[in-house]
C-alpha atoms as a PDB file:
ATOM      1  CA  MET A   1       0.000   0.000   0.000  1.00  0.00           C
ATOM      2  CA  ALA A   2       2.124   2.829  -1.318  1.00  0.00           C
ATOM      3  CA  VAL A   3       1.109   6.340  -2.387  1.00  0.00           C
ATOM      4  CA  TYR A   4       1.519   6.992  -6.112  1.00  0.00           C
ATOM      5  CA  THR A   5      -1.430   9.365  -6.543  1.00  0.00           C
ATOM      6  CA  GLU A   6      -1.520  12.160  -3.986  1.00  0.00           C
ATOM      7  CA  LEU A   7      -4.943  13.407  -2.920  1.00  0.00           C
ATOM      8  CA  SER A   8      -5.863  16.520  -1.009  1.00  0.00           C
ATOM      9  CA  HIS A   9      -8.137  16.409   2.018  1.00  0.00           C
ATOM     10  CA  ASP A  10     -10.815  18.247   0.003  1.00  0.00           C
ATOM     11  CA  GLU A  11     -10.679  15.696  -2.829  1.00  0.00           C
ATOM     12  CA  VAL A  12     -11.139  12.827  -0.396  1.00  0.00           C
ATOM     13  CA  ALA A  13     -13.914  14.696   1.441  1.00  0.00           C
ATOM     14  CA  ALA A  14     -15.907  15.301  -1.736  1.00  0.00           C
ATOM     15  CA  PHE A  15     -15.547  11.653  -2.759  1.00  0.00           C
ATOM     16  CA  PHE A  16     -16.680  10.320   0.628  1.00  0.00           C
ATOM     17  CA  GLN A  17     -19.589  12.708   0.967  1.00  0.00           C
ATOM     18  CA  ALA A  18     -20.877  11.710  -2.481  1.00  0.00           C
ATOM     19  CA  LEU A  19     -21.063   8.126  -1.217  1.00  0.00           C
ATOM     20  CA  GLY A  20     -22.871   9.149   1.954  1.00  0.00           C
ATOM     21  CA  LEU A  21     -19.937   8.340   4.237  1.00  0.00           C
ATOM     22  CA  GLY A  22     -19.738  11.691   5.988  1.00  0.00           C
ATOM     23  CA  GLN A  23     -17.016  14.255   6.470  1.00  0.00           C
ATOM     24  CA  PRO A  24     -13.477  12.850   6.918  1.00  0.00           C
ATOM     25  CA  ASN A  25     -11.913  13.667  10.254  1.00  0.00           C
ATOM     26  CA  SER A  26      -8.493  12.394   9.185  1.00  0.00           C
ATOM     27  CA  VAL A  27      -6.838  11.236   5.950  1.00  0.00           C
ATOM     28  CA  ARG A  28      -3.512   9.374   6.122  1.00  0.00           C
ATOM     29  CA  GLY A  29      -1.470   7.884   3.288  1.00  0.00           C
ATOM     30  CA  SER A  30      -0.154   4.347   3.828  1.00  0.00           C
ATOM     31  CA  THR A  31       3.498   3.448   3.241  1.00  0.00           C
ATOM     32  CA  SER A  32       3.162  -0.348   3.363  1.00  0.00           C
ATOM     33  CA  GLY A  33       2.738  -2.435   0.214  1.00  0.00           C
ATOM     34  CA  ILE A  34       3.819  -1.564  -3.296  1.00  0.00           C
ATOM     35  CA  GLU A  35       0.988  -1.942  -5.814  1.00  0.00           C
ATOM     36  CA  ASN A  36      -1.742   0.635  -5.151  1.00  0.00           C
ATOM     37  CA  THR A  37      -2.344   4.032  -3.575  1.00  0.00           C
ATOM     38  CA  ASN A  38      -4.002   3.667  -0.178  1.00  0.00           C
ATOM     39  CA  TYR A  39      -5.363   6.114   2.357  1.00  0.00           C
ATOM     40  CA  PHE A  40      -6.782   5.448   5.800  1.00  0.00           C
ATOM     41  CA  VAL A  41      -9.833   7.676   6.204  1.00  0.00           C
ATOM     42  CA  ASP A  42     -11.777   8.151   9.443  1.00  0.00           C
ATOM     43  CA  THR A  43     -15.215   9.766   9.249  1.00  0.00           C
ATOM     44  CA  GLU A  44     -18.177  10.229  11.533  1.00  0.00           C
ATOM     45  CA  ALA A  45     -19.655   7.128   9.881  1.00  0.00           C
ATOM     46  CA  GLY A  46     -16.683   4.818  10.535  1.00  0.00           C
ATOM     47  CA  GLU A  47     -13.136   3.895   9.568  1.00  0.00           C
ATOM     48  CA  TYR A  48     -12.327   3.133   5.935  1.00  0.00           C
ATOM     49  CA  VAL A  49      -9.550   2.360   3.474  1.00  0.00           C
ATOM     50  CA  LEU A  50      -9.599   4.234   0.164  1.00  0.00           C
ATOM     51  CA  THR A  51      -7.672   2.507  -2.628  1.00  0.00           C
ATOM     52  CA  LEU A  52      -6.754   3.915  -6.040  1.00  0.00           C
ATOM     53  CA  PHE A  53      -5.509   1.232  -8.422  1.00  0.00           C
ATOM     54  CA  GLU A  54      -2.317   2.037 -10.270  1.00  0.00           C
ATOM     55  CA  ARG A  55      -1.937  -1.131 -12.372  1.00  0.00           C
ATOM     56  CA  LEU A  56      -5.248  -2.960 -12.312  1.00  0.00           C
ATOM     57  CA  THR A  57      -7.822  -1.811 -14.846  1.00  0.00           C
ATOM     58  CA  PHE A  58     -11.570  -1.275 -14.657  1.00  0.00           C
ATOM     59  CA  GLU A  59     -11.944  -4.550 -16.578  1.00  0.00           C
ATOM     60  CA  GLN A  60      -9.783  -6.578 -14.164  1.00  0.00           C
ATOM     61  CA  LEU A  61     -11.107  -5.274 -10.862  1.00  0.00           C
ATOM     62  CA  PRO A  62     -14.614  -6.802 -10.694  1.00  0.00           C
ATOM     63  CA  PHE A  63     -13.092 -10.243  -9.999  1.00  0.00           C
ATOM     64  CA  TYR A  64     -11.352  -8.990  -6.838  1.00  0.00           C
ATOM     65  CA  LEU A  65     -14.088  -6.716  -5.549  1.00  0.00           C
ATOM     66  CA  HIS A  66     -16.929  -9.167  -6.052  1.00  0.00           C
ATOM     67  CA  LEU A  67     -14.844 -11.944  -4.488  1.00  0.00           C
ATOM     68  CA  MET A  68     -14.596  -9.811  -1.350  1.00  0.00           C
ATOM     69  CA  LYS A  69     -18.354  -9.136  -1.519  1.00  0.00           C
ATOM     70  CA  HIS A  70     -18.981 -12.875  -1.947  1.00  0.00           C
ATOM     71  CA  LEU A  71     -16.911 -13.734   1.141  1.00  0.00           C
ATOM     72  CA  ALA A  72     -18.186 -10.820   3.239  1.00  0.00           C
ATOM     73  CA  ALA A  73     -21.803 -11.791   2.513  1.00  0.00           C
ATOM     74  CA  ARG A  74     -21.007 -15.200   4.011  1.00  0.00           C
ATOM     75  CA  ARG A  75     -19.685 -13.627   7.210  1.00  0.00           C
ATOM     76  CA  MET A  76     -16.006 -14.016   6.418  1.00  0.00           C
ATOM     77  CA  PRO A  77     -13.825 -11.328   8.107  1.00  0.00           C
ATOM     78  CA  VAL A  78     -12.811  -9.552   4.886  1.00  0.00           C
ATOM     79  CA  PRO A  79     -13.231  -5.975   3.618  1.00  0.00           C
ATOM     80  CA  ASP A  80     -16.691  -5.203   2.239  1.00  0.00           C
ATOM     81  CA  PRO A  81     -16.632  -2.725  -0.694  1.00  0.00           C
ATOM     82  CA  VAL A  82     -18.941   0.285  -0.298  1.00  0.00           C
ATOM     83  CA  ALA A  83     -21.619   0.672  -2.990  1.00  0.00           C
ATOM     84  CA  ASN A  84     -23.107   3.879  -4.341  1.00  0.00           C
ATOM     85  CA  VAL A  85     -26.871   4.466  -4.698  1.00  0.00           C
ATOM     86  CA  ARG A  86     -26.832   2.400  -7.922  1.00  0.00           C
ATOM     87  CA  GLY A  87     -25.234  -0.560  -6.187  1.00  0.00           C
ATOM     88  CA  GLU A  88     -21.847  -0.071  -7.916  1.00  0.00           C
ATOM     89  CA  ILE A  89     -18.759  -0.947  -5.866  1.00  0.00           C
ATOM     90  CA  LEU A  90     -16.112   0.166  -8.396  1.00  0.00           C
ATOM     91  CA  HIS A  91     -15.717   3.948  -8.539  1.00  0.00           C
ATOM     92  CA  THR A  92     -13.533   6.551 -10.269  1.00  0.00           C
ATOM     93  CA  LEU A  93     -11.305   9.131  -8.572  1.00  0.00           C
ATOM     94  CA  LYS A  94      -8.755  11.314 -10.368  1.00  0.00           C
ATOM     95  CA  GLY A  95      -9.255   9.202 -13.479  1.00  0.00           C
ATOM     96  CA  ARG A  96      -8.301   5.976 -11.689  1.00  0.00           C
ATOM     97  CA  PRO A  97     -10.361   3.011 -10.541  1.00  0.00           C
ATOM     98  CA  ALA A  98     -11.131   3.383  -6.850  1.00  0.00           C
ATOM     99  CA  VAL A  99     -12.791   1.447  -4.036  1.00  0.00           C
ATOM    100  CA  ILE A 100     -13.677   2.151  -0.433  1.00  0.00           C
ATOM    101  CA  VAL A 101     -13.838  -0.678   2.074  1.00  0.00           C
ATOM    102  CA  ASN A 102     -14.465  -0.799   5.803  1.00  0.00           C
ATOM    103  CA  ARG A 103     -11.292  -0.864   7.869  1.00  0.00           C
ATOM    104  CA  LEU A 104     -11.088  -4.141   9.773  1.00  0.00           C
ATOM    105  CA  PRO A 105     -10.193  -4.212  13.494  1.00  0.00           C
ATOM    106  CA  GLY A 106      -6.953  -5.581  14.871  1.00  0.00           C
ATOM    107  CA  GLU A 107      -3.264  -5.373  14.071  1.00  0.00           C
ATOM    108  CA  SER A 108      -0.875  -7.364  11.894  1.00  0.00           C
ATOM    109  CA  VAL A 109       1.663  -9.524  13.718  1.00  0.00           C
ATOM    110  CA  THR A 110       5.360  -9.390  12.936  1.00  0.00           C
ATOM    111  CA  ALA A 111       6.278 -12.680  14.609  1.00  0.00           C
ATOM    112  CA  SER A 112       4.296 -15.902  14.245  1.00  0.00           C
ATOM    113  CA  THR A 113       3.181 -18.192  17.032  1.00  0.00           C
ATOM    114  CA  GLU A 114       1.674 -21.667  16.766  1.00  0.00           C
ATOM    115  CA  SER A 115      -1.684 -20.140  17.657  1.00  0.00           C
ATOM    116  CA  HIS A 116      -1.426 -17.579  14.856  1.00  0.00           C
ATOM    117  CA  CYS A 117      -0.437 -20.265  12.358  1.00  0.00           C
ATOM    118  CA  ARG A 118      -3.339 -22.520  13.311  1.00  0.00           C
ATOM    119  CA  ALA A 119      -5.815 -19.627  12.993  1.00  0.00           C
ATOM    120  CA  VAL A 120      -4.465 -18.643   9.565  1.00  0.00           C
ATOM    121  CA  GLY A 121      -4.651 -22.242   8.343  1.00  0.00           C
ATOM    122  CA  GLU A 122      -8.268 -22.443   9.440  1.00  0.00           C
ATOM    123  CA  ILE A 123      -9.300 -19.124   7.867  1.00  0.00           C
ATOM    124  CA  LEU A 124      -7.558 -20.020   4.604  1.00  0.00           C
ATOM    125  CA  ALA A 125      -9.460 -23.304   4.389  1.00  0.00           C
ATOM    126  CA  ARG A 126     -12.716 -21.499   5.188  1.00  0.00           C
ATOM    127  CA  MET A 127     -12.021 -19.040   2.356  1.00  0.00           C
ATOM    128  CA  HIS A 128     -11.341 -21.918  -0.031  1.00  0.00           C
ATOM    129  CA  VAL A 129     -14.567 -23.677   0.917  1.00  0.00           C
ATOM    130  CA  THR A 130     -16.634 -20.470   0.914  1.00  0.00           C
ATOM    131  CA  GLY A 131     -15.170 -19.346  -2.407  1.00  0.00           C
ATOM    132  CA  SER A 132     -15.814 -22.663  -4.154  1.00  0.00           C
ATOM    133  CA  ASP A 133     -19.109 -21.408  -5.635  1.00  0.00           C
ATOM    134  CA  TYR A 134     -17.789 -17.977  -6.635  1.00  0.00           C
ATOM    135  CA  PRO A 135     -18.810 -17.739 -10.312  1.00  0.00           C
ATOM    136  CA  ARG A 136     -16.222 -15.348 -11.743  1.00  0.00           C
ATOM    137  CA  ARG A 137     -12.980 -16.689 -13.197  1.00  0.00           C
ATOM    138  CA  GLN A 138      -9.591 -15.025 -13.611  1.00  0.00           C
ATOM    139  CA  ALA A 139      -6.168 -16.662 -13.782  1.00  0.00           C
ATOM    140  CA  ASN A 140      -3.604 -16.003 -11.075  1.00  0.00           C
ATOM    141  CA  PRO A 141      -2.017 -12.741 -12.335  1.00  0.00           C
ATOM    142  CA  ARG A 142       1.390 -13.737 -10.923  1.00  0.00           C
ATOM    143  CA  GLY A 143       1.290 -17.356 -12.005  1.00  0.00           C
ATOM    144  CA  LEU A 144       3.370 -19.390 -14.443  1.00  0.00           C
ATOM    145  CA  GLU A 145       2.653 -17.231 -17.508  1.00  0.00           C
ATOM    146  CA  TRP A 146       3.890 -14.146 -15.657  1.00  0.00           C
ATOM    147  CA  TRP A 147       7.001 -16.006 -14.494  1.00  0.00           C
ATOM    148  CA  LYS A 148       7.835 -16.885 -18.105  1.00  0.00           C
ATOM    149  CA  GLU A 149       7.630 -13.214 -19.085  1.00  0.00           C
ATOM    150  CA  VAL A 150       9.552 -11.823 -16.119  1.00  0.00           C
ATOM    151  CA  VAL A 151      12.490 -14.247 -15.811  1.00  0.00           C
ATOM    152  CA  PRO A 152      14.249 -13.038 -19.005  1.00  0.00           C
ATOM    153  CA  VAL A 153      13.770  -9.409 -17.942  1.00  0.00           C
ATOM    154  CA  VAL A 154      15.031  -9.587 -14.350  1.00  0.00           C
ATOM    155  CA  GLY A 155      17.679 -12.085 -15.420  1.00  0.00           C
ATOM    156  CA  ARG A 156      19.544  -9.207 -17.052  1.00  0.00           C
ATOM    157  CA  CYS A 157      19.749  -7.382 -13.700  1.00  0.00           C
ATOM    158  CA  VAL A 158      21.123 -10.106 -11.419  1.00  0.00           C
ATOM    159  CA  SER A 159      24.310 -12.098 -10.921  1.00  0.00           C
ATOM    160  CA  GLU A 160      25.197 -15.147 -12.995  1.00  0.00           C
ATOM    161  CA  GLY A 161      24.409 -17.438 -10.058  1.00  0.00           C
ATOM    162  CA  GLN A 162      21.003 -15.870  -9.554  1.00  0.00           C
ATOM    163  CA  ARG A 163      20.288 -16.038 -13.282  1.00  0.00           C
ATOM    164  CA  SER A 164      21.087 -19.756 -13.235  1.00  0.00           C
ATOM    165  CA  LEU A 165      18.711 -20.253 -10.311  1.00  0.00           C
ATOM    166  CA  LEU A 166      15.945 -18.355 -12.084  1.00  0.00           C
ATOM    167  CA  THR A 167      16.157 -20.438 -15.254  1.00  0.00           C
ATOM    168  CA  SER A 168      16.567 -23.730 -13.384  1.00  0.00           C
ATOM    169  CA  GLU A 169      13.572 -23.171 -11.133  1.00  0.00           C
ATOM    170  CA  LEU A 170      11.401 -21.951 -14.001  1.00  0.00           C
ATOM    171  CA  ALA A 171      12.157 -25.160 -15.908  1.00  0.00           C
ATOM    172  CA  PHE A 172      11.271 -27.224 -12.836  1.00  0.00           C
ATOM    173  CA  GLN A 173       7.982 -25.392 -12.334  1.00  0.00           C
ATOM    174  CA  LYS A 174       7.040 -25.805 -16.004  1.00  0.00           C
ATOM    175  CA  GLU A 175       7.592 -29.543 -15.617  1.00  0.00           C
ATOM    176  CA  ILE A 176       5.444 -29.672 -12.482  1.00  0.00           C
ATOM    177  CA  ALA A 177       2.636 -27.664 -14.110  1.00  0.00           C
ATOM    178  CA  ALA A 178       2.572 -30.099 -17.061  1.00  0.00           C
ATOM    179  CA  SER A 179       2.376 -33.203 -14.840  1.00  0.00           C
ATOM    180  CA  PHE A 180      -0.615 -35.491 -14.332  1.00  0.00           C
ATOM    181  CA  THR A 181      -0.467 -34.977 -10.565  1.00  0.00           C
ATOM    182  CA  TYR A 182      -0.729 -31.205 -10.970  1.00  0.00           C
ATOM    183  CA  GLU A 183      -3.841 -31.672 -13.089  1.00  0.00           C
ATOM    184  CA  GLN A 184      -5.458 -33.479 -10.153  1.00  0.00           C
ATOM    185  CA  LEU A 185      -5.021 -30.531  -7.772  1.00  0.00           C
ATOM    186  CA  PRO A 186      -8.263 -28.865  -6.609  1.00  0.00           C
ATOM    187  CA  LYS A 187      -8.517 -25.372  -8.023  1.00  0.00           C
ATOM    188  CA  GLY A 188     -10.532 -22.264  -7.271  1.00  0.00           C
ATOM    189  CA  PRO A 189     -10.179 -18.669  -6.062  1.00  0.00           C
ATOM    190  CA  VAL A 190      -6.974 -18.128  -4.060  1.00  0.00           C
ATOM    191  CA  HIS A 191      -5.816 -15.106  -2.086  1.00  0.00           C
ATOM    192  CA  ALA A 192      -2.232 -15.747  -3.248  1.00  0.00           C
ATOM    193  CA  ASP A 193      -0.685 -13.134  -0.912  1.00  0.00           C
ATOM    194  CA  LEU A 194      -1.778 -14.080   2.615  1.00  0.00           C
ATOM    195  CA  PHE A 195       1.314 -12.800   4.394  1.00  0.00           C
ATOM    196  CA  ARG A 196       1.500 -11.638   8.002  1.00  0.00           C
ATOM    197  CA  ASP A 197       0.882  -8.031   6.952  1.00  0.00           C
ATOM    198  CA  ASN A 198      -2.414  -9.017   5.293  1.00  0.00           C
ATOM    199  CA  VAL A 199      -3.955 -10.656   8.360  1.00  0.00           C
ATOM    200  CA  LEU A 200      -5.210  -8.898  11.493  1.00  0.00           C
ATOM    201  CA  PHE A 201      -5.336 -10.196  15.054  1.00  0.00           C
ATOM    202  CA  HIS A 202      -6.621  -8.963  18.377  1.00  0.00           C
ATOM    203  CA  GLY A 203      -4.405 -10.888  20.741  1.00  0.00           C
ATOM    204  CA  GLU A 204      -4.606 -14.496  19.562  1.00  0.00           C
ATOM    205  CA  HIS A 205      -7.982 -13.960  17.843  1.00  0.00           C
ATOM    206  CA  LEU A 206      -7.931 -13.505  14.064  1.00  0.00           C
ATOM    207  CA  THR A 207     -10.077 -10.494  13.171  1.00  0.00           C
ATOM    208  CA  GLY A 208      -9.502  -9.899   9.460  1.00  0.00           C
ATOM    209  CA  VAL A 209      -7.984 -10.841   6.110  1.00  0.00           C
ATOM    210  CA  PHE A 210      -7.433  -8.176   3.464  1.00  0.00           C
ATOM    211  CA  ASP A 211      -5.557  -7.142   0.284  1.00  0.00           C
ATOM    212  CA  PHE A 212      -7.132  -9.486  -2.264  1.00  0.00           C
ATOM    213  CA  TYR A 213      -5.604  -7.696  -5.261  1.00  0.00           C
ATOM    214  CA  PHE A 214      -3.310 -10.573  -6.233  1.00  0.00           C
ATOM    215  CA  ALA A 215      -6.147 -13.092  -6.048  1.00  0.00           C
ATOM    216  CA  GLY A 216      -7.018 -15.367  -8.947  1.00  0.00           C
ATOM    217  CA  CYS A 217      -8.053 -18.889  -9.797  1.00  0.00           C
ATOM    218  CA  ASP A 218      -5.255 -21.378  -9.223  1.00  0.00           C
ATOM    219  CA  ALA A 219      -4.422 -24.551  -7.333  1.00  0.00           C
ATOM    220  CA  LEU A 220      -5.599 -24.162  -3.741  1.00  0.00           C
ATOM    221  CA  LEU A 221      -2.272 -25.709  -2.777  1.00  0.00           C
ATOM    222  CA  PHE A 222      -0.481 -22.583  -4.024  1.00  0.00           C
ATOM    223  CA  ASP A 223      -2.275 -20.555  -1.334  1.00  0.00           C
ATOM    224  CA  ILE A 224      -1.225 -23.089   1.295  1.00  0.00           C
ATOM    225  CA  ALA A 225       2.399 -22.931   0.121  1.00  0.00           C
ATOM    226  CA  VAL A 226       2.493 -19.123   0.180  1.00  0.00           C
ATOM    227  CA  CYS A 227       1.288 -19.136   3.784  1.00  0.00           C
ATOM    228  CA  LEU A 228       3.764 -21.801   4.880  1.00  0.00           C
ATOM    229  CA  ASN A 229       6.602 -19.750   3.357  1.00  0.00           C
ATOM    230  CA  ASP A 230       5.697 -16.671   5.386  1.00  0.00           C
ATOM    231  CA  TRP A 231       3.960 -17.736   8.577  1.00  0.00           C
ATOM    232  CA  CYS A 232       6.003 -20.864   9.250  1.00  0.00           C
ATOM    233  CA  VAL A 233       9.550 -19.839   8.258  1.00  0.00           C
ATOM    234  CA  ASP A 234      12.352 -18.451  10.385  1.00  0.00           C
ATOM    235  CA  ASP A 235      13.066 -14.994   8.978  1.00  0.00           C
ATOM    236  CA  CYS A 236      16.803 -15.219   9.619  1.00  0.00           C
ATOM    237  CA  THR A 237      17.544 -18.663   8.176  1.00  0.00           C
ATOM    238  CA  GLY A 238      14.709 -19.207   5.681  1.00  0.00           C
ATOM    239  CA  ARG A 239      14.090 -22.646   7.182  1.00  0.00           C
ATOM    240  CA  GLN A 240      10.635 -23.949   8.011  1.00  0.00           C
ATOM    241  CA  ASN A 241       9.628 -24.218  11.654  1.00  0.00           C
ATOM    242  CA  ASN A 242       8.033 -27.660  11.731  1.00  0.00           C
ATOM    243  CA  GLU A 243       5.916 -26.935  14.812  1.00  0.00           C
ATOM    244  CA  TRP A 244       4.411 -23.828  13.208  1.00  0.00           C
ATOM    245  CA  ALA A 245       3.865 -25.693   9.928  1.00  0.00           C
ATOM    246  CA  ALA A 246       2.109 -28.534  11.746  1.00  0.00           C
ATOM    247  CA  ALA A 247      -0.137 -26.012  13.516  1.00  0.00           C
ATOM    248  CA  PHE A 248      -0.971 -24.257  10.229  1.00  0.00           C
ATOM    249  CA  LEU A 249      -1.759 -27.521   8.407  1.00  0.00           C
ATOM    250  CA  GLY A 250      -3.719 -28.779  11.411  1.00  0.00           C
ATOM    251  CA  GLY A 251      -5.882 -25.671  11.329  1.00  0.00           C
ATOM    252  CA  TYR A 252      -6.386 -26.020   7.590  1.00  0.00           C
ATOM    253  CA  LYS A 253      -7.257 -29.721   7.729  1.00  0.00           C
ATOM    254  CA  SER A 254      -9.777 -29.093  10.499  1.00  0.00           C
ATOM    255  CA  VAL A 255     -11.894 -27.424   7.805  1.00  0.00           C
ATOM    256  CA  ARG A 256     -10.793 -29.050   4.532  1.00  0.00           C
ATOM    257  CA  ALA A 257      -8.802 -32.267   4.024  1.00  0.00           C
ATOM    258  CA  LEU A 258      -5.874 -32.313   1.602  1.00  0.00           C
ATOM    259  CA  THR A 259      -6.084 -34.643  -1.387  1.00  0.00           C
ATOM    260  CA  PRO A 260      -3.331 -37.184  -2.216  1.00  0.00           C
ATOM    261  CA  ALA A 261      -2.170 -34.971  -5.091  1.00  0.00           C
ATOM    262  CA  GLU A 262      -1.869 -31.989  -2.754  1.00  0.00           C
ATOM    263  CA  CYS A 263       0.173 -33.988  -0.253  1.00  0.00           C
ATOM    264  CA  ALA A 264       2.483 -35.184  -3.039  1.00  0.00           C
ATOM    265  CA  LEU A 265       3.101 -31.727  -4.546  1.00  0.00           C
ATOM    266  CA  LEU A 266       3.315 -29.600  -1.400  1.00  0.00           C
ATOM    267  CA  PRO A 267       7.169 -29.403  -1.472  1.00  0.00           C
ATOM    268  CA  ALA A 268       7.165 -28.409  -5.161  1.00  0.00           C
ATOM    269  CA  MET A 269       4.429 -25.837  -4.564  1.00  0.00           C
ATOM    270  CA  GLN A 270       6.369 -24.295  -1.696  1.00  0.00           C
ATOM    271  CA  ARG A 271       9.198 -23.795  -4.161  1.00  0.00           C
ATOM    272  CA  ALA A 272       6.691 -22.201  -6.550  1.00  0.00           C
ATOM    273  CA  GLY A 273       5.542 -19.803  -3.828  1.00  0.00           C
ATOM    274  CA  ALA A 274       9.090 -18.782  -2.946  1.00  0.00           C
ATOM    275  CA  PHE A 275       9.950 -18.385  -6.639  1.00  0.00           C
ATOM    276  CA  ARG A 276       6.929 -16.170  -7.310  1.00  0.00           C
ATOM    277  CA  PHE A 277       7.785 -13.719  -4.516  1.00  0.00           C
ATOM    278  CA  TRP A 278      11.496 -13.693  -5.254  1.00  0.00           C
ATOM    279  CA  LEU A 279      10.630 -12.780  -8.840  1.00  0.00           C
ATOM    280  CA  SER A 280       8.214 -10.015  -7.910  1.00  0.00           C
ATOM    281  CA  ARG A 281      10.654  -8.493  -5.424  1.00  0.00           C
ATOM    282  CA  LEU A 282      13.448  -8.568  -8.001  1.00  0.00           C
ATOM    283  CA  TRP A 283      11.065  -6.856 -10.421  1.00  0.00           C
ATOM    284  CA  ASP A 284      10.170  -4.133  -7.918  1.00  0.00           C
ATOM    285  CA  LEU A 285      13.823  -3.609  -6.946  1.00  0.00           C
ATOM    286  CA  HIS A 286      15.298  -3.357 -10.432  1.00  0.00           C
ATOM    287  CA  LEU A 287      12.308  -1.905 -12.310  1.00  0.00           C
ATOM    288  CA  PRO A 288      10.631   0.350  -9.718  1.00  0.00           C
ATOM    289  CA  ARG A 289       7.819   2.817 -10.264  1.00  0.00           C
ATOM    290  CA  GLU A 290       7.868   6.308  -8.795  1.00  0.00           C
ATOM    291  CA  ALA A 291       5.774   6.767  -5.665  1.00  0.00           C
ATOM    292  CA  ALA A 292       5.378   9.526  -3.130  1.00  0.00           C
ATOM    293  CA  LEU A 293       5.726   6.922  -0.376  1.00  0.00           C
ATOM    294  CA  LEU A 294       7.209   3.500  -1.138  1.00  0.00           C
ATOM    295  CA  ASN A 295       9.035   0.848   0.830  1.00  0.00           C
ATOM    296  CA  ALA A 296      10.409  -1.924  -1.409  1.00  0.00           C
ATOM    297  CA  HIS A 297      10.868  -5.451  -0.040  1.00  0.00           C
ATOM    298  CA  ASP A 298      14.215  -7.263   0.051  1.00  0.00           C
ATOM    299  CA  PRO A 299      14.363 -10.002  -2.644  1.00  0.00           C
ATOM    300  CA  SER A 300      17.114 -11.946  -0.851  1.00  0.00           C
ATOM    301  CA  HIS A 301      14.654 -13.257   1.752  1.00  0.00           C
ATOM    302  CA  PHE A 302      12.784 -15.380  -0.775  1.00  0.00           C
ATOM    303  CA  GLU A 303      15.925 -16.312  -2.665  1.00  0.00           C
ATOM    304  CA  ARG A 304      17.181 -17.794   0.594  1.00  0.00           C
ATOM    305  CA  ILE A 305      13.898 -19.652   1.211  1.00  0.00           C
ATOM    306  CA  LEU A 306      13.959 -21.036  -2.338  1.00  0.00           C
ATOM    307  CA  ARG A 307      17.534 -22.261  -1.969  1.00  0.00           C
ATOM    308  CA  VAL A 308      16.636 -23.953   1.337  1.00  0.00           C
ATOM    309  CA  LEU A 309      13.657 -25.667  -0.293  1.00  0.00           C
ATOM    310  CA  ARG A 310      15.842 -26.809  -3.198  1.00  0.00           C
ATOM    311  CA  GLY A 311      18.341 -28.292  -0.756  1.00  0.00           C
ATOM    312  CA  GLU A 312      21.125 -25.883  -1.684  1.00  0.00           C
ATOM    313  CA  ILE A 313      21.355 -24.567   1.897  1.00  0.00           C
ATOM    314  CA  ALA A 314      21.557 -27.193   4.619  1.00  0.00           C
END
């Protein structure tokens, strides 16, 4: 959640009042995240997040926004987009697509516990089950096709050893994606970015899941792998904490059982998750966009996790 498009207090006030949300008492730009412009806006009617989309188009956004509506309508703790008098949840501000959602309670955690991991596993499985009848379809925007496009580009910006790792892992993931076992994986809407900074807790109680703007239809196992790589990994070494992983998978399986194909491909999919985020962080580091407020993430974290998963680091 960076700030690429700067808004004045008056511009935000006019936008909110047109939607019947009252006069803003405070408007604050967010420095976390890297894809969209975000403001925290408090009004007499409540607390909200205003997002202006810098990459996603009006044509792409209905998948994400209606997925949130679908989950929120089924009492999942996710942001619920605000509609205008015509029932439209996608708006326009300063020529950009925009959405307003309620701000969820709680705080993100920086360090995982077994309790956190179990709760995240459970909520992820609930989202997979609840989203199974979501009718819209859109491929994972940062899936295999994107990897194929990005590897040659970022490969020109990295060391020879890193370039070798990029091409080797891409070849491995292509082979996995073409396999019979992969074809057997259950698929559906996935969050695809359920990191610690996208989940809210009040103490040990999970209160919210947000930032669905990398969601798409993919193997449900990819979502599981992404979570394991963030919630259940030691940040210093990149190695998985087996107790945290067991808690996460226990929480998940308490809602939805894994299939034999999912059990077989979990190690390969964890590599896919690490590869995807290493790639995107390399992209953001070497090919950045200008933003008024922007904090880029360190790519080396996921390079280290990928090398651990490949057995290159003991």
